[in-house]
Amino acid sequence: MKKIDRFLCAAATIAALTACSQGGMAGQSQLAQGSPAPDRDSPFIATATIRELMDSTVDPSADALWESVAIVYSMSGEQERKPRTPQEWLAVRRHAITLIEATNLLVMDGRHAAPAGTQPGEGELSPQQIDQRIASDREAFVRFAHGLHATATKALEAIDKQDSEALLQAGGDIDEACEACHLTYWYPNQKIPAT
């Protein structure tokens, strides 16, 4: 090996080690800025907050299920929207699986309600208040997540049977499961209109 080749190889190795070292420092600084330290007994590291999981995973998956079946009224009449082809059923199935598994992510220890500095929406508790409510009765929060898991599993069963009516019913159950949790932790003081 020529002297110049050994020099370039050594320089590349030093650059790679420096980059790895700086990447480790960046991760430590993120932990110092408010992300919870990983539980040493757990193989999981919670990075996103509940709000971020809702925005990136739960809401898009639930929306896809809700939008997959509907009766649409227009000037040209009534139109039934539902998956029809194997590819359409597979796409909806993927959203159901994502929603089911997202419920496990929601209950991971160390996950906060929202990123630090998040301003609550109108009628919503602050992220710190939500964290306190969850911590005060974590078992109840887990039950809400399991309730969403159960309703999303009903949607998956309907999808596997290609039963659009059952999928529509499961969509309503998913909405109720979501709203029950939100009313308990995010906006408990909101007035519910009488039905």
C-alpha atoms as a PDB file:
ATOM      1  CA  MET A   1       0.000   0.000   0.000  1.00  0.00           C
ATOM      2  CA  LYS A   2       1.389   3.375  -0.947  1.00  0.00           C
ATOM      3  CA  LYS A   3       1.997   6.018   1.678  1.00  0.00           C
ATOM      4  CA  ILE A   4      -0.718   8.319   0.243  1.00  0.00           C
ATOM      5  CA  ASP A   5      -3.290   5.477   0.277  1.00  0.00           C
ATOM      6  CA  ARG A   6      -2.531   4.714   3.955  1.00  0.00           C
ATOM      7  CA  PHE A   7      -2.890   8.424   4.755  1.00  0.00           C
ATOM      8  CA  LEU A   8      -6.296   8.655   2.995  1.00  0.00           C
ATOM      9  CA  CYS A   9      -7.484   5.457   4.711  1.00  0.00           C
ATOM     10  CA  ALA A  10      -6.393   6.800   8.129  1.00  0.00           C
ATOM     11  CA  ALA A  11      -8.047  10.183   7.453  1.00  0.00           C
ATOM     12  CA  ALA A  12     -11.298   8.475   6.438  1.00  0.00           C
ATOM     13  CA  THR A  13     -11.250   6.342   9.588  1.00  0.00           C
ATOM     14  CA  ILE A  14     -10.680   9.384  11.811  1.00  0.00           C
ATOM     15  CA  ALA A  15     -13.498  11.269  10.042  1.00  0.00           C
ATOM     16  CA  ALA A  16     -15.887   8.337  10.510  1.00  0.00           C
ATOM     17  CA  LEU A  17     -15.009   7.996  14.204  1.00  0.00           C
ATOM     18  CA  THR A  18     -15.460  11.737  14.708  1.00  0.00           C
ATOM     19  CA  ALA A  19     -18.871  11.641  13.025  1.00  0.00           C
ATOM     20  CA  CYS A  20     -19.966   8.712  15.203  1.00  0.00           C
ATOM     21  CA  SER A  21     -18.749  10.504  18.299  1.00  0.00           C
ATOM     22  CA  GLN A  22     -20.619  13.692  17.361  1.00  0.00           C
ATOM     23  CA  GLY A  23     -23.765  11.667  16.577  1.00  0.00           C
ATOM     24  CA  GLY A  24     -23.604  10.199  20.064  1.00  0.00           C
ATOM     25  CA  MET A  25     -23.208  13.669  21.549  1.00  0.00           C
ATOM     26  CA  ALA A  26     -26.237  14.916  19.595  1.00  0.00           C
ATOM     27  CA  GLY A  27     -28.326  12.043  20.959  1.00  0.00           C
ATOM     28  CA  GLN A  28     -27.221  12.864  24.496  1.00  0.00           C
ATOM     29  CA  SER A  29     -28.078  16.513  24.028  1.00  0.00           C
ATOM     30  CA  GLN A  30     -31.590  15.572  22.827  1.00  0.00           C
ATOM     31  CA  LEU A  31     -32.074  13.548  25.994  1.00  0.00           C
ATOM     32  CA  ALA A  32     -30.918  16.507  28.047  1.00  0.00           C
ATOM     33  CA  GLN A  33     -33.450  18.733  26.264  1.00  0.00           C
ATOM     34  CA  GLY A  34     -36.458  16.873  27.609  1.00  0.00           C
ATOM     35  CA  SER A  35     -36.707  13.440  26.023  1.00  0.00           C
ATOM     36  CA  PRO A  36     -36.975  10.869  28.760  1.00  0.00           C
ATOM     37  CA  ALA A  37     -33.907   8.769  29.461  1.00  0.00           C
ATOM     38  CA  PRO A  38     -34.432   5.198  28.299  1.00  0.00           C
ATOM     39  CA  ASP A  39     -35.523   2.743  30.983  1.00  0.00           C
ATOM     40  CA  ARG A  40     -32.523   0.488  31.552  1.00  0.00           C
ATOM     41  CA  ASP A  41     -34.817  -2.548  31.970  1.00  0.00           C
ATOM     42  CA  SER A  42     -36.597  -1.880  28.665  1.00  0.00           C
ATOM     43  CA  PRO A  43     -35.264  -2.443  25.148  1.00  0.00           C
ATOM     44  CA  PHE A  44     -37.473   0.428  23.918  1.00  0.00           C
ATOM     45  CA  ILE A  45     -36.588   4.107  23.574  1.00  0.00           C
ATOM     46  CA  ALA A  46     -39.602   6.414  23.388  1.00  0.00           C
ATOM     47  CA  THR A  47     -38.713   9.340  21.118  1.00  0.00           C
ATOM     48  CA  ALA A  48     -42.006  10.794  19.874  1.00  0.00           C
ATOM     49  CA  THR A  49     -44.675  12.181  22.172  1.00  0.00           C
ATOM     50  CA  ILE A  50     -48.282  10.988  22.207  1.00  0.00           C
ATOM     51  CA  ARG A  51     -49.302  14.050  20.160  1.00  0.00           C
ATOM     52  CA  GLU A  52     -46.619  13.286  17.560  1.00  0.00           C
ATOM     53  CA  LEU A  53     -47.734   9.649  17.365  1.00  0.00           C
ATOM     54  CA  MET A  54     -51.314  10.809  16.921  1.00  0.00           C
ATOM     55  CA  ASP A  55     -50.331  13.219  14.128  1.00  0.00           C
ATOM     56  CA  SER A  56     -48.023  10.830  12.298  1.00  0.00           C
ATOM     57  CA  THR A  57     -49.537   7.388  12.842  1.00  0.00           C
ATOM     58  CA  VAL A  58     -52.868   7.121  14.663  1.00  0.00           C
ATOM     59  CA  ASP A  59     -54.829   9.909  12.917  1.00  0.00           C
ATOM     60  CA  PRO A  60     -53.727   9.082   9.333  1.00  0.00           C
ATOM     61  CA  SER A  61     -54.497   5.388   9.844  1.00  0.00           C
ATOM     62  CA  ALA A  62     -57.895   6.032  11.428  1.00  0.00           C
ATOM     63  CA  ASP A  63     -58.733   8.604   8.733  1.00  0.00           C
ATOM     64  CA  ALA A  64     -57.917   6.057   6.013  1.00  0.00           C
ATOM     65  CA  LEU A  65     -60.262   3.527   7.627  1.00  0.00           C
ATOM     66  CA  TRP A  66     -63.052   6.094   8.020  1.00  0.00           C
ATOM     67  CA  GLU A  67     -62.665   7.322   4.449  1.00  0.00           C
ATOM     68  CA  SER A  68     -62.547   3.817   2.972  1.00  0.00           C
ATOM     69  CA  VAL A  69     -66.297   3.239   3.483  1.00  0.00           C
ATOM     70  CA  ALA A  70     -69.003   5.867   3.182  1.00  0.00           C
ATOM     71  CA  ILE A  71     -72.243   6.732   1.501  1.00  0.00           C
ATOM     72  CA  VAL A  72     -71.725   9.904  -0.512  1.00  0.00           C
ATOM     73  CA  TYR A  73     -74.710  12.004  -1.548  1.00  0.00           C
ATOM     74  CA  SER A  74     -74.389  14.330  -4.519  1.00  0.00           C
ATOM     75  CA  MET A  75     -76.541  15.917  -7.208  1.00  0.00           C
ATOM     76  CA  SER A  76     -76.115  12.752  -9.273  1.00  0.00           C
ATOM     77  CA  GLY A  77     -77.460  10.596  -6.441  1.00  0.00           C
ATOM     78  CA  GLU A  78     -76.231   8.257  -3.758  1.00  0.00           C
ATOM     79  CA  GLN A  79     -72.885   6.564  -4.158  1.00  0.00           C
ATOM     80  CA  GLU A  80     -71.387   3.871  -1.932  1.00  0.00           C
ATOM     81  CA  ARG A  81     -67.670   4.148  -1.301  1.00  0.00           C
ATOM     82  CA  LYS A  82     -65.908   0.930  -0.296  1.00  0.00           C
ATOM     83  CA  PRO A  83     -62.816  -1.056  -1.220  1.00  0.00           C
ATOM     84  CA  ARG A  84     -63.535  -3.192  -4.264  1.00  0.00           C
ATOM     85  CA  THR A  85     -60.294  -4.617  -5.585  1.00  0.00           C
ATOM     86  CA  PRO A  86     -57.807  -6.843  -3.719  1.00  0.00           C
ATOM     87  CA  GLN A  87     -55.317  -3.964  -3.844  1.00  0.00           C
ATOM     88  CA  GLU A  88     -57.816  -1.564  -2.240  1.00  0.00           C
ATOM     89  CA  TRP A  89     -58.609  -4.055   0.541  1.00  0.00           C
ATOM     90  CA  LEU A  90     -54.877  -4.595   1.104  1.00  0.00           C
ATOM     91  CA  ALA A  91     -54.274  -0.832   1.382  1.00  0.00           C
ATOM     92  CA  VAL A  92     -57.049  -0.485   3.978  1.00  0.00           C
ATOM     93  CA  ARG A  93     -55.719  -3.544   5.823  1.00  0.00           C
ATOM     94  CA  ARG A  94     -52.303  -1.920   6.124  1.00  0.00           C
ATOM     95  CA  HIS A  95     -53.883   1.110   7.812  1.00  0.00           C
ATOM     96  CA  ALA A  96     -55.732  -1.147  10.260  1.00  0.00           C
ATOM     97  CA  ILE A  97     -52.507  -2.966  11.174  1.00  0.00           C
ATOM     98  CA  THR A  98     -50.732   0.367  11.671  1.00  0.00           C
ATOM     99  CA  LEU A  99     -53.511   1.623  13.938  1.00  0.00           C
ATOM    100  CA  ILE A 100     -53.569  -1.594  15.977  1.00  0.00           C
ATOM    101  CA  GLU A 101     -49.825  -1.535  16.577  1.00  0.00           C
ATOM    102  CA  ALA A 102     -49.797   2.216  17.281  1.00  0.00           C
ATOM    103  CA  THR A 103     -51.843   1.511  20.414  1.00  0.00           C
ATOM    104  CA  ASN A 104     -48.834  -0.353  21.816  1.00  0.00           C
ATOM    105  CA  LEU A 105     -46.608   2.636  21.116  1.00  0.00           C
ATOM    106  CA  LEU A 106     -48.999   4.979  22.935  1.00  0.00           C
ATOM    107  CA  VAL A 107     -48.575   3.151  26.254  1.00  0.00           C
ATOM    108  CA  MET A 108     -44.791   2.850  26.271  1.00  0.00           C
ATOM    109  CA  ASP A 109     -43.302   4.091  29.543  1.00  0.00           C
ATOM    110  CA  GLY A 110     -41.591   7.465  29.383  1.00  0.00           C
ATOM    111  CA  ARG A 111     -43.711   8.908  26.584  1.00  0.00           C
ATOM    112  CA  HIS A 112     -44.912  12.478  27.227  1.00  0.00           C
ATOM    113  CA  ALA A 113     -48.181  13.983  25.978  1.00  0.00           C
ATOM    114  CA  ALA A 114     -46.596  16.605  23.717  1.00  0.00           C
ATOM    115  CA  PRO A 115     -43.221  18.179  22.911  1.00  0.00           C
ATOM    116  CA  ALA A 116     -41.875  20.687  25.419  1.00  0.00           C
ATOM    117  CA  GLY A 117     -43.263  24.174  24.807  1.00  0.00           C
ATOM    118  CA  THR A 118     -46.416  22.949  23.043  1.00  0.00           C
ATOM    119  CA  GLN A 119     -49.267  25.387  23.549  1.00  0.00           C
ATOM    120  CA  PRO A 120     -52.595  23.697  24.329  1.00  0.00           C
ATOM    121  CA  GLY A 121     -55.453  24.113  21.892  1.00  0.00           C
ATOM    122  CA  GLU A 122     -58.669  25.848  22.891  1.00  0.00           C
ATOM    123  CA  GLY A 123     -60.314  23.961  25.770  1.00  0.00           C
ATOM    124  CA  GLU A 124     -57.368  21.572  26.033  1.00  0.00           C
ATOM    125  CA  LEU A 125     -55.233  20.895  29.097  1.00  0.00           C
ATOM    126  CA  SER A 126     -51.538  21.744  29.008  1.00  0.00           C
ATOM    127  CA  PRO A 127     -49.131  18.909  28.145  1.00  0.00           C
ATOM    128  CA  GLN A 128     -47.947  18.900  31.783  1.00  0.00           C
ATOM    129  CA  GLN A 129     -51.529  18.523  33.033  1.00  0.00           C
ATOM    130  CA  ILE A 130     -52.147  15.680  30.580  1.00  0.00           C
ATOM    131  CA  ASP A 131     -48.952  13.957  31.726  1.00  0.00           C
ATOM    132  CA  GLN A 132     -50.130  14.307  35.341  1.00  0.00           C
ATOM    133  CA  ARG A 133     -53.574  12.875  34.541  1.00  0.00           C
ATOM    134  CA  ILE A 134     -52.027   9.887  32.780  1.00  0.00           C
ATOM    135  CA  ALA A 135     -49.513   9.306  35.587  1.00  0.00           C
ATOM    136  CA  SER A 136     -52.203   9.524  38.267  1.00  0.00           C
ATOM    137  CA  ASP A 137     -54.037   6.499  36.813  1.00  0.00           C
ATOM    138  CA  ARG A 138     -51.832   4.881  34.214  1.00  0.00           C
ATOM    139  CA  GLU A 139     -53.912   1.695  34.248  1.00  0.00           C
ATOM    140  CA  ALA A 140     -56.939   3.647  32.996  1.00  0.00           C
ATOM    141  CA  PHE A 141     -54.875   5.165  30.183  1.00  0.00           C
ATOM    142  CA  VAL A 142     -53.700   1.680  29.191  1.00  0.00           C
ATOM    143  CA  ARG A 143     -57.343   0.482  29.205  1.00  0.00           C
ATOM    144  CA  PHE A 144     -58.271   3.283  26.796  1.00  0.00           C
ATOM    145  CA  ALA A 145     -55.419   2.248  24.478  1.00  0.00           C
ATOM    146  CA  HIS A 146     -56.527  -1.389  24.715  1.00  0.00           C
ATOM    147  CA  GLY A 147     -60.071  -0.283  23.866  1.00  0.00           C
ATOM    148  CA  LEU A 148     -58.788   1.374  20.705  1.00  0.00           C
ATOM    149  CA  HIS A 149     -56.772  -1.768  19.968  1.00  0.00           C
ATOM    150  CA  ALA A 150     -59.930  -3.895  20.272  1.00  0.00           C
ATOM    151  CA  THR A 151     -62.005  -1.672  17.973  1.00  0.00           C
ATOM    152  CA  ALA A 152     -59.222  -1.467  15.387  1.00  0.00           C
ATOM    153  CA  THR A 153     -58.981  -5.270  15.537  1.00  0.00           C
ATOM    154  CA  LYS A 154     -62.709  -5.419  14.685  1.00  0.00           C
ATOM    155  CA  ALA A 155     -61.929  -3.284  11.648  1.00  0.00           C
ATOM    156  CA  LEU A 156     -59.168  -5.696  10.640  1.00  0.00           C
ATOM    157  CA  GLU A 157     -61.541  -8.652  10.970  1.00  0.00           C
ATOM    158  CA  ALA A 158     -64.092  -6.854   8.785  1.00  0.00           C
ATOM    159  CA  ILE A 159     -61.407  -6.115   6.208  1.00  0.00           C
ATOM    160  CA  ASP A 160     -60.270  -9.729   6.127  1.00  0.00           C
ATOM    161  CA  LYS A 161     -63.903 -10.744   5.451  1.00  0.00           C
ATOM    162  CA  GLN A 162     -64.224  -7.885   2.939  1.00  0.00           C
ATOM    163  CA  ASP A 163     -67.317  -6.811   4.867  1.00  0.00           C
ATOM    164  CA  SER A 164     -67.762  -3.091   4.240  1.00  0.00           C
ATOM    165  CA  GLU A 165     -70.806  -2.850   6.562  1.00  0.00           C
ATOM    166  CA  ALA A 166     -68.831  -4.287   9.492  1.00  0.00           C
ATOM    167  CA  LEU A 167     -65.922  -1.986   8.609  1.00  0.00           C
ATOM    168  CA  LEU A 168     -68.276   1.005   8.734  1.00  0.00           C
ATOM    169  CA  GLN A 169     -69.525  -0.094  12.173  1.00  0.00           C
ATOM    170  CA  ALA A 170     -65.941  -0.622  13.413  1.00  0.00           C
ATOM    171  CA  GLY A 171     -65.094   2.874  12.188  1.00  0.00           C
ATOM    172  CA  GLY A 172     -67.781   4.296  14.470  1.00  0.00           C
ATOM    173  CA  ASP A 173     -66.429   2.250  17.375  1.00  0.00           C
ATOM    174  CA  ILE A 174     -62.907   3.546  16.692  1.00  0.00           C
ATOM    175  CA  ASP A 175     -64.220   7.114  16.782  1.00  0.00           C
ATOM    176  CA  GLU A 176     -65.930   6.478  20.141  1.00  0.00           C
ATOM    177  CA  ALA A 177     -62.771   4.894  21.604  1.00  0.00           C
ATOM    178  CA  CYS A 178     -60.652   7.859  20.516  1.00  0.00           C
ATOM    179  CA  GLU A 179     -63.101  10.437  21.816  1.00  0.00           C
ATOM    180  CA  ALA A 180     -63.471   8.716  25.218  1.00  0.00           C
ATOM    181  CA  CYS A 181     -59.712   8.996  25.786  1.00  0.00           C
ATOM    182  CA  HIS A 182     -59.545  12.584  24.531  1.00  0.00           C
ATOM    183  CA  LEU A 183     -62.404  13.646  26.806  1.00  0.00           C
ATOM    184  CA  THR A 184     -60.621  12.087  29.778  1.00  0.00           C
ATOM    185  CA  TYR A 185     -57.083  13.388  29.229  1.00  0.00           C
ATOM    186  CA  TRP A 186     -57.005  16.207  26.683  1.00  0.00           C
ATOM    187  CA  TYR A 187     -60.183  18.223  27.213  1.00  0.00           C
ATOM    188  CA  PRO A 188     -62.032  16.866  30.261  1.00  0.00           C
ATOM    189  CA  ASN A 189     -63.832  20.166  30.872  1.00  0.00           C
ATOM    190  CA  GLN A 190     -65.445  20.272  27.454  1.00  0.00           C
ATOM    191  CA  LYS A 191     -69.219  20.291  27.547  1.00  0.00           C
ATOM    192  CA  ILE A 192     -70.760  17.364  25.667  1.00  0.00           C
ATOM    193  CA  PRO A 193     -73.960  18.343  23.842  1.00  0.00           C
ATOM    194  CA  ALA A 194     -77.032  16.379  24.919  1.00  0.00           C
ATOM    195  CA  THR A 195     -78.240  13.892  22.318  1.00  0.00           C
END
